[in-house]
Amino acid sequence: MFALFALAGLGTPRTGALVALTEAELPTGLGLAVPVTVVAGLCGAVLVPVVGDRALAVVGRLDQRRLVAAVCALLVVLSWAFAGVAGVVVLAVAGVVGHIPVRFGCRRVHLMCVLMGPLILG
């Protein structure tokens, strides 16, 4: 919801989903976006208790090492497909940077300056 109001107030999208909406030239006005978001939230509130437990049971039976390896491989393939070698390099660097706070015993929230700096500078 914050991203929707930021889009309406600032006129520039601040999330990937809103960038995709504006690039596709879909309507992004609050008159349509807020009701759609409320309906999506209500659907999620109903479906998560029903589908969530079943999905958790299925995922809980899987071998976690293979699941993680498959997800990592899928991320590499998608990075390659959408951005080529540069995308895979950015993915690798982001993975390393994401592990730095854990190594030094601090929280990952401090990495948010990567997002806040460009937003503040405009």
PDB file of N, CA and C in Angstrom:
ATOM      1  N   MET A   1       0.826  -1.183   0.000  1.00  0.00           N
ATOM      2  CA  MET A   1       0.000   0.000   0.000  1.00  0.00           C
ATOM      3  C   MET A   1       0.873   1.251   0.000  1.00  0.00           C
ATOM      4  N   PHE A   2       1.970   1.213   0.765  1.00  0.00           N
ATOM      5  CA  PHE A   2       2.861   2.373   0.797  1.00  0.00           C
ATOM      6  C   PHE A   2       3.403   2.665  -0.591  1.00  0.00           C
ATOM      7  N   ALA A   3       3.761   1.623  -1.319  1.00  0.00           N
ATOM      8  CA  ALA A   3       4.302   1.815  -2.668  1.00  0.00           C
ATOM      9  C   ALA A   3       3.257   2.425  -3.599  1.00  0.00           C
ATOM     10  N   LEU A   4       2.001   2.036  -3.433  1.00  0.00           N
ATOM     11  CA  LEU A   4       0.936   2.616  -4.257  1.00  0.00           C
ATOM     12  C   LEU A   4       0.770   4.107  -3.978  1.00  0.00           C
ATOM     13  N   PHE A   5       0.784   4.477  -2.698  1.00  0.00           N
ATOM     14  CA  PHE A   5       0.643   5.889  -2.352  1.00  0.00           C
ATOM     15  C   PHE A   5       1.881   6.682  -2.767  1.00  0.00           C
ATOM     16  N   ALA A   6       3.050   6.054  -2.705  1.00  0.00           N
ATOM     17  CA  ALA A   6       4.267   6.729  -3.183  1.00  0.00           C
ATOM     18  C   ALA A   6       4.179   6.954  -4.687  1.00  0.00           C
ATOM     19  N   LEU A   7       3.653   5.988  -5.423  1.00  0.00           N
ATOM     20  CA  LEU A   7       3.479   6.152  -6.859  1.00  0.00           C
ATOM     21  C   LEU A   7       2.506   7.284  -7.159  1.00  0.00           C
ATOM     22  N   ALA A   8       1.405   7.309  -6.419  1.00  0.00           N
ATOM     23  CA  ALA A   8       0.413   8.366  -6.647  1.00  0.00           C
ATOM     24  C   ALA A   8       0.964   9.736  -6.258  1.00  0.00           C
ATOM     25  N   GLY A   9       1.688   9.808  -5.155  1.00  0.00           N
ATOM     26  CA  GLY A   9       2.193  11.084  -4.667  1.00  0.00           C
ATOM     27  C   GLY A   9       3.417  11.591  -5.400  1.00  0.00           C
ATOM     28  N   LEU A  10       4.343  10.693  -5.690  1.00  0.00           N
ATOM     29  CA  LEU A  10       5.607  11.094  -6.310  1.00  0.00           C
ATOM     30  C   LEU A  10       5.600  10.952  -7.823  1.00  0.00           C
ATOM     31  N   GLY A  11       4.732  10.086  -8.317  1.00  0.00           N
ATOM     32  CA  GLY A  11       4.660   9.884  -9.762  1.00  0.00           C
ATOM     33  C   GLY A  11       5.705   8.936 -10.308  1.00  0.00           C
ATOM     34  N   THR A  12       6.516   8.341  -9.437  1.00  0.00           N
ATOM     35  CA  THR A  12       7.529   7.380  -9.885  1.00  0.00           C
ATOM     36  C   THR A  12       7.371   6.088  -9.085  1.00  0.00           C
ATOM     37  N   PRO A  13       7.455   4.947  -9.746  1.00  0.00           N
ATOM     38  CA  PRO A  13       7.311   3.667  -9.037  1.00  0.00           C
ATOM     39  C   PRO A  13       8.541   3.376  -8.191  1.00  0.00           C
ATOM     40  N   ARG A  14       8.315   2.753  -7.028  1.00  0.00           N
ATOM     41  CA  ARG A  14       9.401   2.417  -6.101  1.00  0.00           C
ATOM     42  C   ARG A  14       9.587   0.930  -5.886  1.00  0.00           C
ATOM     43  N   THR A  15       8.797   0.106  -6.569  1.00  0.00           N
ATOM     44  CA  THR A  15       8.952  -1.342  -6.463  1.00  0.00           C
ATOM     45  C   THR A  15       8.950  -1.939  -7.864  1.00  0.00           C
ATOM     46  N   GLY A  16       9.475  -3.137  -7.964  1.00  0.00           N
ATOM     47  CA  GLY A  16       9.526  -3.804  -9.259  1.00  0.00           C
ATOM     48  C   GLY A  16       8.150  -4.052  -9.849  1.00  0.00           C
ATOM     49  N   ALA A  17       7.185  -4.402  -9.008  1.00  0.00           N
ATOM     50  CA  ALA A  17       5.835  -4.661  -9.505  1.00  0.00           C
ATOM     51  C   ALA A  17       5.217  -3.389 -10.086  1.00  0.00           C
ATOM     52  N   LEU A  18       5.422  -2.267  -9.427  1.00  0.00           N
ATOM     53  CA  LEU A  18       4.858  -1.020  -9.939  1.00  0.00           C
ATOM     54  C   LEU A  18       5.607  -0.524 -11.172  1.00  0.00           C
ATOM     55  N   VAL A  19       6.894  -0.810 -11.247  1.00  0.00           N
ATOM     56  CA  VAL A  19       7.632  -0.487 -12.473  1.00  0.00           C
ATOM     57  C   VAL A  19       7.050  -1.275 -13.633  1.00  0.00           C
ATOM     58  N   ALA A  20       6.769  -2.555 -13.398  1.00  0.00           N
ATOM     59  CA  ALA A  20       6.182  -3.386 -14.449  1.00  0.00           C
ATOM     60  C   ALA A  20       4.810  -2.857 -14.864  1.00  0.00           C
ATOM     61  N   LEU A  21       4.005  -2.416 -13.913  1.00  0.00           N
ATOM     62  CA  LEU A  21       2.690  -1.855 -14.245  1.00  0.00           C
ATOM     63  C   LEU A  21       2.809  -0.596 -15.092  1.00  0.00           C
ATOM     64  N   THR A  22       3.727   0.276 -14.705  1.00  0.00           N
ATOM     65  CA  THR A  22       3.863   1.524 -15.463  1.00  0.00           C
ATOM     66  C   THR A  22       4.487   1.281 -16.828  1.00  0.00           C
ATOM     67  N   GLU A  23       5.421   0.353 -16.916  1.00  0.00           N
ATOM     68  CA  GLU A  23       6.044   0.040 -18.208  1.00  0.00           C
ATOM     69  C   GLU A  23       5.039  -0.589 -19.172  1.00  0.00           C
ATOM     70  N   ALA A  24       4.107  -1.376 -18.622  1.00  0.00           N
ATOM     71  CA  ALA A  24       3.076  -2.009 -19.450  1.00  0.00           C
ATOM     72  C   ALA A  24       1.928  -1.050 -19.744  1.00  0.00           C
ATOM     73  N   GLU A  25       2.030   0.165 -19.229  1.00  0.00           N
ATOM     74  CA  GLU A  25       1.028   1.207 -19.423  1.00  0.00           C
ATOM     75  C   GLU A  25      -0.359   0.774 -18.939  1.00  0.00           C
ATOM     76  N   LEU A  26      -0.367   0.069 -17.807  1.00  0.00           N
ATOM     77  CA  LEU A  26      -1.618  -0.325 -17.166  1.00  0.00           C
ATOM     78  C   LEU A  26      -2.059   0.785 -16.225  1.00  0.00           C
ATOM     79  N   PRO A  27      -3.341   0.863 -15.923  1.00  0.00           N
ATOM     80  CA  PRO A  27      -3.802   1.921 -15.013  1.00  0.00           C
ATOM     81  C   PRO A  27      -3.230   1.735 -13.611  1.00  0.00           C
ATOM     82  N   THR A  28      -2.695   2.798 -13.042  1.00  0.00           N
ATOM     83  CA  THR A  28      -2.084   2.724 -11.712  1.00  0.00           C
ATOM     84  C   THR A  28      -2.718   3.702 -10.738  1.00  0.00           C
ATOM     85  N   GLY A  29      -3.869   4.265 -11.070  1.00  0.00           N
ATOM     86  CA  GLY A  29      -4.532   5.215 -10.181  1.00  0.00           C
ATOM     87  C   GLY A  29      -5.000   4.551  -8.904  1.00  0.00           C
ATOM     88  N   LEU A  30      -5.078   5.338  -7.844  1.00  0.00           N
ATOM     89  CA  LEU A  30      -5.485   4.799  -6.546  1.00  0.00           C
ATOM     90  C   LEU A  30      -6.918   4.286  -6.563  1.00  0.00           C
ATOM     91  N   GLY A  31      -7.768   4.867  -7.413  1.00  0.00           N
ATOM     92  CA  GLY A  31      -9.161   4.425  -7.485  1.00  0.00           C
ATOM     93  C   GLY A  31      -9.295   2.974  -7.883  1.00  0.00           C
ATOM     94  N   LEU A  32      -8.355   2.470  -8.649  1.00  0.00           N
ATOM     95  CA  LEU A  32      -8.366   1.063  -9.058  1.00  0.00           C
ATOM     96  C   LEU A  32      -7.403   0.245  -8.207  1.00  0.00           C
ATOM     97  N   ALA A  33      -6.244   0.794  -7.897  1.00  0.00           N
ATOM     98  CA  ALA A  33      -5.196   0.028  -7.224  1.00  0.00           C
ATOM     99  C   ALA A  33      -5.569  -0.344  -5.791  1.00  0.00           C
ATOM    100  N   VAL A  34      -6.191   0.564  -5.058  1.00  0.00           N
ATOM    101  CA  VAL A  34      -6.520   0.271  -3.660  1.00  0.00           C
ATOM    102  C   VAL A  34      -7.567  -0.846  -3.550  1.00  0.00           C
ATOM    103  N   PRO A  35      -8.677  -0.790  -4.291  1.00  0.00           N
ATOM    104  CA  PRO A  35      -9.629  -1.914  -4.189  1.00  0.00           C
ATOM    105  C   PRO A  35      -9.040  -3.251  -4.630  1.00  0.00           C
ATOM    106  N   VAL A  36      -8.220  -3.238  -5.676  1.00  0.00           N
ATOM    107  CA  VAL A  36      -7.595  -4.482  -6.131  1.00  0.00           C
ATOM    108  C   VAL A  36      -6.673  -5.028  -5.048  1.00  0.00           C
ATOM    109  N   THR A  37      -5.932  -4.149  -4.381  1.00  0.00           N
ATOM    110  CA  THR A  37      -5.032  -4.582  -3.311  1.00  0.00           C
ATOM    111  C   THR A  37      -5.813  -5.144  -2.132  1.00  0.00           C
ATOM    112  N   VAL A  38      -6.923  -4.512  -1.787  1.00  0.00           N
ATOM    113  CA  VAL A  38      -7.757  -4.995  -0.684  1.00  0.00           C
ATOM    114  C   VAL A  38      -8.337  -6.374  -1.018  1.00  0.00           C
ATOM    115  N   VAL A  39      -8.833  -6.558  -2.233  1.00  0.00           N
ATOM    116  CA  VAL A  39      -9.389  -7.854  -2.642  1.00  0.00           C
ATOM    117  C   VAL A  39      -8.290  -8.925  -2.630  1.00  0.00           C
ATOM    118  N   ALA A  40      -7.102  -8.582  -3.131  1.00  0.00           N
ATOM    119  CA  ALA A  40      -5.987  -9.541  -3.123  1.00  0.00           C
ATOM    120  C   ALA A  40      -5.608  -9.917  -1.695  1.00  0.00           C
ATOM    121  N   GLY A  41      -5.612  -8.944  -0.791  1.00  0.00           N
ATOM    122  CA  GLY A  41      -5.310  -9.231   0.615  1.00  0.00           C
ATOM    123  C   GLY A  41      -6.349 -10.139   1.250  1.00  0.00           C
ATOM    124  N   LEU A  42      -7.604  -9.895   0.936  1.00  0.00           N
ATOM    125  CA  LEU A  42      -8.669 -10.754   1.466  1.00  0.00           C
ATOM    126  C   LEU A  42      -8.560 -12.176   0.917  1.00  0.00           C
ATOM    127  N   CYS A  43      -8.250 -12.288  -0.374  1.00  0.00           N
ATOM    128  CA  CYS A  43      -8.068 -13.631  -0.962  1.00  0.00           C
ATOM    129  C   CYS A  43      -6.906 -14.354  -0.297  1.00  0.00           C
ATOM    130  N   GLY A  44      -5.833 -13.634  -0.059  1.00  0.00           N
ATOM    131  CA  GLY A  44      -4.687 -14.232   0.617  1.00  0.00           C
ATOM    132  C   GLY A  44      -5.019 -14.661   2.031  1.00  0.00           C
ATOM    133  N   ALA A  45      -5.781 -13.836   2.746  1.00  0.00           N
ATOM    134  CA  ALA A  45      -6.160 -14.166   4.122  1.00  0.00           C
ATOM    135  C   ALA A  45      -7.019 -15.422   4.177  1.00  0.00           C
ATOM    136  N   VAL A  46      -7.813 -15.656   3.146  1.00  0.00           N
ATOM    137  CA  VAL A  46      -8.660 -16.852   3.105  1.00  0.00           C
ATOM    138  C   VAL A  46      -7.859 -18.065   2.641  1.00  0.00           C
ATOM    139  N   LEU A  47      -7.019 -17.880   1.622  1.00  0.00           N
ATOM    140  CA  LEU A  47      -6.322 -19.016   1.019  1.00  0.00           C
ATOM    141  C   LEU A  47      -5.122 -19.514   1.829  1.00  0.00           C
ATOM    142  N   VAL A  48      -4.426 -18.632   2.525  1.00  0.00           N
ATOM    143  CA  VAL A  48      -3.220 -19.069   3.241  1.00  0.00           C
ATOM    144  C   VAL A  48      -3.513 -20.133   4.286  1.00  0.00           C
ATOM    145  N   PRO A  49      -4.517 -19.984   5.127  1.00  0.00           N
ATOM    146  CA  PRO A  49      -4.774 -21.071   6.089  1.00  0.00           C
ATOM    147  C   PRO A  49      -5.163 -22.390   5.419  1.00  0.00           C
ATOM    148  N   VAL A  50      -5.834 -22.316   4.281  1.00  0.00           N
ATOM    149  CA  VAL A  50      -6.296 -23.532   3.602  1.00  0.00           C
ATOM    150  C   VAL A  50      -5.153 -24.183   2.819  1.00  0.00           C
ATOM    151  N   VAL A  51      -4.512 -23.409   1.960  1.00  0.00           N
ATOM    152  CA  VAL A  51      -3.479 -23.943   1.073  1.00  0.00           C
ATOM    153  C   VAL A  51      -2.121 -23.992   1.772  1.00  0.00           C
ATOM    154  N   GLY A  52      -1.873 -23.068   2.687  1.00  0.00           N
ATOM    155  CA  GLY A  52      -0.572 -22.967   3.336  1.00  0.00           C
ATOM    156  C   GLY A  52      -0.160 -24.211   4.085  1.00  0.00           C
ATOM    157  N   ASP A  53      -1.068 -24.787   4.851  1.00  0.00           N
ATOM    158  CA  ASP A  53      -0.743 -25.995   5.619  1.00  0.00           C
ATOM    159  C   ASP A  53      -0.407 -27.165   4.692  1.00  0.00           C
ATOM    160  N   ARG A  54      -1.147 -27.280   3.607  1.00  0.00           N
ATOM    161  CA  ARG A  54      -0.874 -28.367   2.649  1.00  0.00           C
ATOM    162  C   ARG A  54       0.477 -28.151   1.972  1.00  0.00           C
ATOM    163  N   ALA A  55       0.746 -26.933   1.580  1.00  0.00           N
ATOM    164  CA  ALA A  55       2.030 -26.644   0.930  1.00  0.00           C
ATOM    165  C   ALA A  55       3.183 -26.890   1.897  1.00  0.00           C
ATOM    166  N   LEU A  56       3.016 -26.494   3.149  1.00  0.00           N
ATOM    167  CA  LEU A  56       4.051 -26.734   4.151  1.00  0.00           C
ATOM    168  C   LEU A  56       4.293 -28.221   4.357  1.00  0.00           C
ATOM    169  N   ALA A  57       3.234 -29.006   4.345  1.00  0.00           N
ATOM    170  CA  ALA A  57       3.377 -30.455   4.506  1.00  0.00           C
ATOM    171  C   ALA A  57       4.154 -31.052   3.334  1.00  0.00           C
ATOM    172  N   VAL A  58       3.872 -30.594   2.117  1.00  0.00           N
ATOM    173  CA  VAL A  58       4.576 -31.107   0.934  1.00  0.00           C
ATOM    174  C   VAL A  58       6.040 -30.700   0.977  1.00  0.00           C
ATOM    175  N   VAL A  59       6.308 -29.433   1.240  1.00  0.00           N
ATOM    176  CA  VAL A  59       7.687 -28.946   1.260  1.00  0.00           C
ATOM    177  C   VAL A  59       8.451 -29.573   2.429  1.00  0.00           C
ATOM    178  N   GLY A  60       7.775 -29.811   3.537  1.00  0.00           N
ATOM    179  CA  GLY A  60       8.430 -30.410   4.701  1.00  0.00           C
ATOM    180  C   GLY A  60       8.920 -31.827   4.443  1.00  0.00           C
ATOM    181  N   ARG A  61       8.301 -32.537   3.502  1.00  0.00           N
ATOM    182  CA  ARG A  61       8.722 -33.899   3.182  1.00  0.00           C
ATOM    183  C   ARG A  61       9.894 -33.941   2.212  1.00  0.00           C
ATOM    184  N   LEU A  62      10.181 -32.836   1.547  1.00  0.00           N
ATOM    185  CA  LEU A  62      11.252 -32.814   0.550  1.00  0.00           C
ATOM    186  C   LEU A  62      12.622 -32.753   1.218  1.00  0.00           C
ATOM    187  N   ASP A  63      13.620 -33.245   0.510  1.00  0.00           N
ATOM    188  CA  ASP A  63      14.995 -33.133   0.976  1.00  0.00           C
ATOM    189  C   ASP A  63      15.413 -31.670   0.845  1.00  0.00           C
ATOM    190  N   GLN A  64      15.720 -31.037   1.993  1.00  0.00           N
ATOM    191  CA  GLN A  64      15.988 -29.601   2.005  1.00  0.00           C
ATOM    192  C   GLN A  64      17.226 -29.223   1.195  1.00  0.00           C
ATOM    193  N   ARG A  65      18.248 -30.037   1.202  1.00  0.00           N
ATOM    194  CA  ARG A  65      19.456 -29.736   0.420  1.00  0.00           C
ATOM    195  C   ARG A  65      19.150 -29.706  -1.075  1.00  0.00           C
ATOM    196  N   ARG A  66      18.387 -30.681  -1.536  1.00  0.00           N
ATOM    197  CA  ARG A  66      18.026 -30.706  -2.962  1.00  0.00           C
ATOM    198  C   ARG A  66      17.107 -29.541  -3.324  1.00  0.00           C
ATOM    199  N   LEU A  67      16.197 -29.212  -2.423  1.00  0.00           N
ATOM    200  CA  LEU A  67      15.291 -28.094  -2.672  1.00  0.00           C
ATOM    201  C   LEU A  67      16.066 -26.785  -2.791  1.00  0.00           C
ATOM    202  N   VAL A  68      16.983 -26.537  -1.870  1.00  0.00           N
ATOM    203  CA  VAL A  68      17.794 -25.319  -1.910  1.00  0.00           C
ATOM    204  C   VAL A  68      18.656 -25.302  -3.168  1.00  0.00           C
ATOM    205  N   ALA A  69      19.251 -26.424  -3.514  1.00  0.00           N
ATOM    206  CA  ALA A  69      20.073 -26.490  -4.725  1.00  0.00           C
ATOM    207  C   ALA A  69      19.239 -26.218  -5.970  1.00  0.00           C
ATOM    208  N   ALA A  70      18.024 -26.739  -6.013  1.00  0.00           N
ATOM    209  CA  ALA A  70      17.152 -26.514  -7.167  1.00  0.00           C
ATOM    210  C   ALA A  70      16.745 -25.044  -7.268  1.00  0.00           C
ATOM    211  N   VAL A  71      16.430 -24.423  -6.138  1.00  0.00           N
ATOM    212  CA  VAL A  71      16.059 -23.007  -6.147  1.00  0.00           C
ATOM    213  C   VAL A  71      17.243 -22.157  -6.582  1.00  0.00           C
ATOM    214  N   CYS A  72      18.436 -22.453  -6.081  1.00  0.00           N
ATOM    215  CA  CYS A  72      19.628 -21.704  -6.487  1.00  0.00           C
ATOM    216  C   CYS A  72      19.900 -21.871  -7.980  1.00  0.00           C
ATOM    217  N   ALA A  73      19.769 -23.077  -8.469  1.00  0.00           N
ATOM    218  CA  ALA A  73      19.976 -23.311  -9.904  1.00  0.00           C
ATOM    219  C   ALA A  73      18.942 -22.551 -10.728  1.00  0.00           C
ATOM    220  N   LEU A  74      17.703 -22.545 -10.281  1.00  0.00           N
ATOM    221  CA  LEU A  74      16.658 -21.803 -10.985  1.00  0.00           C
ATOM    222  C   LEU A  74      16.955 -20.309 -10.996  1.00  0.00           C
ATOM    223  N   LEU A  75      17.451 -19.775  -9.892  1.00  0.00           N
ATOM    224  CA  LEU A  75      17.807 -18.358  -9.841  1.00  0.00           C
ATOM    225  C   LEU A  75      18.936 -18.024 -10.810  1.00  0.00           C
ATOM    226  N   VAL A  76      19.915 -18.904 -10.901  1.00  0.00           N
ATOM    227  CA  VAL A  76      21.018 -18.680 -11.841  1.00  0.00           C
ATOM    228  C   VAL A  76      20.503 -18.719 -13.276  1.00  0.00           C
ATOM    229  N   VAL A  77      19.661 -19.689 -13.584  1.00  0.00           N
ATOM    230  CA  VAL A  77      19.102 -19.801 -14.940  1.00  0.00           C
ATOM    231  C   VAL A  77      18.268 -18.569 -15.283  1.00  0.00           C
ATOM    232  N   LEU A  78      17.429 -18.124 -14.352  1.00  0.00           N
ATOM    233  CA  LEU A  78      16.617 -16.943 -14.605  1.00  0.00           C
ATOM    234  C   LEU A  78      17.472 -15.693 -14.757  1.00  0.00           C
ATOM    235  N   SER A  79      18.507 -15.571 -13.942  1.00  0.00           N
ATOM    236  CA  SER A  79      19.414 -14.426 -14.070  1.00  0.00           C
ATOM    237  C   SER A  79      20.089 -14.436 -15.431  1.00  0.00           C
ATOM    238  N   TRP A  80      20.516 -15.596 -15.862  1.00  0.00           N
ATOM    239  CA  TRP A  80      21.145 -15.732 -17.178  1.00  0.00           C
ATOM    240  C   TRP A  80      20.148 -15.385 -18.287  1.00  0.00           C
ATOM    241  N   ALA A  81      18.921 -15.904 -18.159  1.00  0.00           N
ATOM    242  CA  ALA A  81      17.912 -15.692 -19.197  1.00  0.00           C
ATOM    243  C   ALA A  81      17.525 -14.224 -19.333  1.00  0.00           C
ATOM    244  N   PHE A  82      17.398 -13.530 -18.216  1.00  0.00           N
ATOM    245  CA  PHE A  82      16.929 -12.156 -18.266  1.00  0.00           C
ATOM    246  C   PHE A  82      18.046 -11.139 -18.434  1.00  0.00           C
ATOM    247  N   ALA A  83      19.265 -11.437 -17.949  1.00  0.00           N
ATOM    248  CA  ALA A  83      20.311 -10.419 -17.975  1.00  0.00           C
ATOM    249  C   ALA A  83      21.661 -10.927 -18.469  1.00  0.00           C
ATOM    250  N   GLY A  84      21.737 -12.190 -18.846  1.00  0.00           N
ATOM    251  CA  GLY A  84      22.999 -12.712 -19.371  1.00  0.00           C
ATOM    252  C   GLY A  84      24.062 -12.857 -18.288  1.00  0.00           C
ATOM    253  N   VAL A  85      25.303 -12.783 -18.724  1.00  0.00           N
ATOM    254  CA  VAL A  85      26.437 -12.962 -17.806  1.00  0.00           C
ATOM    255  C   VAL A  85      26.418 -11.898 -16.715  1.00  0.00           C
ATOM    256  N   ALA A  86      26.084 -10.673 -17.090  1.00  0.00           N
ATOM    257  CA  ALA A  86      26.048  -9.592 -16.101  1.00  0.00           C
ATOM    258  C   ALA A  86      25.053  -9.906 -14.988  1.00  0.00           C
ATOM    259  N   GLY A  87      23.917 -10.491 -15.325  1.00  0.00           N
ATOM    260  CA  GLY A  87      22.929 -10.850 -14.319  1.00  0.00           C
ATOM    261  C   GLY A  87      23.446 -11.903 -13.356  1.00  0.00           C
ATOM    262  N   VAL A  88      24.171 -12.886 -13.870  1.00  0.00           N
ATOM    263  CA  VAL A  88      24.736 -13.925 -13.004  1.00  0.00           C
ATOM    264  C   VAL A  88      25.818 -13.333 -12.107  1.00  0.00           C
ATOM    265  N   VAL A  89      26.610 -12.417 -12.647  1.00  0.00           N
ATOM    266  CA  VAL A  89      27.647 -11.761 -11.832  1.00  0.00           C
ATOM    267  C   VAL A  89      27.001 -10.938 -10.722  1.00  0.00           C
ATOM    268  N   VAL A  90      25.962 -10.173 -11.047  1.00  0.00           N
ATOM    269  CA  VAL A  90      25.264  -9.379 -10.029  1.00  0.00           C
ATOM    270  C   VAL A  90      24.650 -10.300  -8.974  1.00  0.00           C
ATOM    271  N   LEU A  91      24.076 -11.414  -9.399  1.00  0.00           N
ATOM    272  CA  LEU A  91      23.513 -12.380  -8.459  1.00  0.00           C
ATOM    273  C   LEU A  91      24.589 -12.902  -7.510  1.00  0.00           C
ATOM    274  N   ALA A  92      25.750 -13.243  -8.049  1.00  0.00           N
ATOM    275  CA  ALA A  92      26.848 -13.752  -7.220  1.00  0.00           C
ATOM    276  C   ALA A  92      27.339 -12.691  -6.237  1.00  0.00           C
ATOM    277  N   VAL A  93      27.512 -11.470  -6.715  1.00  0.00           N
ATOM    278  CA  VAL A  93      27.976 -10.391  -5.834  1.00  0.00           C
ATOM    279  C   VAL A  93      26.939 -10.114  -4.752  1.00  0.00           C
ATOM    280  N   ALA A  94      25.654 -10.104  -5.122  1.00  0.00           N
ATOM    281  CA  ALA A  94      24.595  -9.877  -4.141  1.00  0.00           C
ATOM    282  C   ALA A  94      24.582 -10.988  -3.092  1.00  0.00           C
ATOM    283  N   GLY A  95      24.833 -12.217  -3.511  1.00  0.00           N
ATOM    284  CA  GLY A  95      24.894 -13.322  -2.563  1.00  0.00           C
ATOM    285  C   GLY A  95      26.035 -13.159  -1.573  1.00  0.00           C
ATOM    286  N   VAL A  96      27.182 -12.746  -2.072  1.00  0.00           N
ATOM    287  CA  VAL A  96      28.342 -12.518  -1.187  1.00  0.00           C
ATOM    288  C   VAL A  96      28.050 -11.373  -0.230  1.00  0.00           C
ATOM    289  N   VAL A  97      27.529 -10.272  -0.759  1.00  0.00           N
ATOM    290  CA  VAL A  97      27.224  -9.119   0.091  1.00  0.00           C
ATOM    291  C   VAL A  97      26.177  -9.482   1.140  1.00  0.00           C
ATOM    292  N   GLY A  98      25.218 -10.304   0.790  1.00  0.00           N
ATOM    293  CA  GLY A  98      24.202 -10.724   1.741  1.00  0.00           C
ATOM    294  C   GLY A  98      24.746 -11.568   2.881  1.00  0.00           C
ATOM    295  N   HIS A  99      25.875 -12.203   2.674  1.00  0.00           N
ATOM    296  CA  HIS A  99      26.472 -13.021   3.728  1.00  0.00           C
ATOM    297  C   HIS A  99      27.430 -12.236   4.625  1.00  0.00           C
ATOM    298  N   ILE A 100      27.818 -11.053   4.218  1.00  0.00           N
ATOM    299  CA  ILE A 100      28.756 -10.252   5.019  1.00  0.00           C
ATOM    300  C   ILE A 100      28.199  -9.935   6.408  1.00  0.00           C
ATOM    301  N   PRO A 101      26.951  -9.461   6.544  1.00  0.00           N
ATOM    302  CA  PRO A 101      26.453  -9.172   7.900  1.00  0.00           C
ATOM    303  C   PRO A 101      26.443 -10.400   8.805  1.00  0.00           C
ATOM    304  N   VAL A 102      26.111 -11.552   8.255  1.00  0.00           N
ATOM    305  CA  VAL A 102      26.092 -12.782   9.060  1.00  0.00           C
ATOM    306  C   VAL A 102      27.502 -13.091   9.554  1.00  0.00           C
ATOM    307  N   ARG A 103      28.463 -12.908   8.688  1.00  0.00           N
ATOM    308  CA  ARG A 103      29.871 -13.181   9.043  1.00  0.00           C
ATOM    309  C   ARG A 103      30.356 -12.293  10.178  1.00  0.00           C
ATOM    310  N   PHE A 104      29.888 -11.027  10.178  1.00  0.00           N
ATOM    311  CA  PHE A 104      30.338 -10.087  11.191  1.00  0.00           C
ATOM    312  C   PHE A 104      29.368  -9.952  12.359  1.00  0.00           C
ATOM    313  N   GLY A 105      28.305 -10.754  12.359  1.00  0.00           N
ATOM    314  CA  GLY A 105      27.388 -10.790  13.487  1.00  0.00           C
ATOM    315  C   GLY A 105      26.448  -9.595  13.591  1.00  0.00           C
ATOM    316  N   CYS A 106      26.138  -8.970  12.488  1.00  0.00           N
ATOM    317  CA  CYS A 106      25.164  -7.871  12.530  1.00  0.00           C
ATOM    318  C   CYS A 106      23.968  -8.239  11.661  1.00  0.00           C
ATOM    319  N   ARG A 107      22.982  -7.366  11.655  1.00  0.00           N
ATOM    320  CA  ARG A 107      21.745  -7.671  10.941  1.00  0.00           C
ATOM    321  C   ARG A 107      21.819  -7.190   9.497  1.00  0.00           C
ATOM    322  N   ARG A 108      21.070  -7.864   8.633  1.00  0.00           N
ATOM    323  CA  ARG A 108      21.065  -7.514   7.208  1.00  0.00           C
ATOM    324  C   ARG A 108      20.347  -6.200   6.921  1.00  0.00           C
ATOM    325  N   VAL A 109      19.585  -5.703   7.866  1.00  0.00           N
ATOM    326  CA  VAL A 109      18.831  -4.476   7.642  1.00  0.00           C
ATOM    327  C   VAL A 109      19.755  -3.311   7.298  1.00  0.00           C
ATOM    328  N   HIS A 110      20.987  -3.379   7.717  1.00  0.00           N
ATOM    329  CA  HIS A 110      21.928  -2.302   7.431  1.00  0.00           C
ATOM    330  C   HIS A 110      22.277  -2.224   5.949  1.00  0.00           C
ATOM    331  N   LEU A 111      21.982  -3.276   5.195  1.00  0.00           N
ATOM    332  CA  LEU A 111      22.210  -3.245   3.758  1.00  0.00           C
ATOM    333  C   LEU A 111      21.156  -2.422   3.024  1.00  0.00           C
ATOM    334  N   MET A 112      20.113  -1.990   3.705  1.00  0.00           N
ATOM    335  CA  MET A 112      19.051  -1.209   3.079  1.00  0.00           C
ATOM    336  C   MET A 112      19.543   0.132   2.562  1.00  0.00           C
ATOM    337  N   CYS A 113      20.703   0.586   3.015  1.00  0.00           N
ATOM    338  CA  CYS A 113      21.219   1.866   2.516  1.00  0.00           C
ATOM    339  C   CYS A 113      21.454   1.799   1.012  1.00  0.00           C
ATOM    340  N   VAL A 114      21.642   0.600   0.474  1.00  0.00           N
ATOM    341  CA  VAL A 114      21.803   0.442  -0.966  1.00  0.00           C
ATOM    342  C   VAL A 114      20.546   0.911  -1.683  1.00  0.00           C
ATOM    343  N   LEU A 115      19.395   0.726  -1.072  1.00  0.00           N
ATOM    344  CA  LEU A 115      18.141   1.179  -1.667  1.00  0.00           C
ATOM    345  C   LEU A 115      17.807   2.607  -1.280  1.00  0.00           C
ATOM    346  N   MET A 116      18.070   2.979  -0.041  1.00  0.00           N
ATOM    347  CA  MET A 116      17.677   4.292   0.442  1.00  0.00           C
ATOM    348  C   MET A 116      18.513   5.411  -0.185  1.00  0.00           C
ATOM    349  N   GLY A 117      19.789   5.179  -0.394  1.00  0.00           N
ATOM    350  CA  GLY A 117      20.653   6.213  -0.975  1.00  0.00           C
ATOM    351  C   GLY A 117      20.143   6.716  -2.314  1.00  0.00           C
ATOM    352  N   PRO A 118      19.927   5.844  -3.283  1.00  0.00           N
ATOM    353  CA  PRO A 118      19.401   6.308  -4.578  1.00  0.00           C
ATOM    354  C   PRO A 118      18.019   6.950  -4.467  1.00  0.00           C
ATOM    355  N   LEU A 119      17.191   6.471  -3.548  1.00  0.00           N
ATOM    356  CA  LEU A 119      15.864   7.077  -3.390  1.00  0.00           C
ATOM    357  C   LEU A 119      15.973   8.499  -2.860  1.00  0.00           C
ATOM    358  N   ILE A 120      16.874   8.712  -1.920  1.00  0.00           N
ATOM    359  CA  ILE A 120      17.037  10.040  -1.341  1.00  0.00           C
ATOM    360  C   ILE A 120      17.615  10.999  -2.369  1.00  0.00           C
ATOM    361  N   LEU A 121      18.569  10.502  -3.163  1.00  0.00           N
ATOM    362  CA  LEU A 121      19.204  11.365  -4.148  1.00  0.00           C
ATOM    363  C   LEU A 121      18.303  11.651  -5.336  1.00  0.00           C
ATOM    364  N   GLY A 122      17.256  10.842  -5.518  1.00  0.00           N
ATOM    365  CA  GLY A 122      16.281  11.120  -6.560  1.00  0.00           C
ATOM    366  C   GLY A 122      16.614  10.483  -7.849  1.00  0.00           C
TER     367      GLY A 122
END
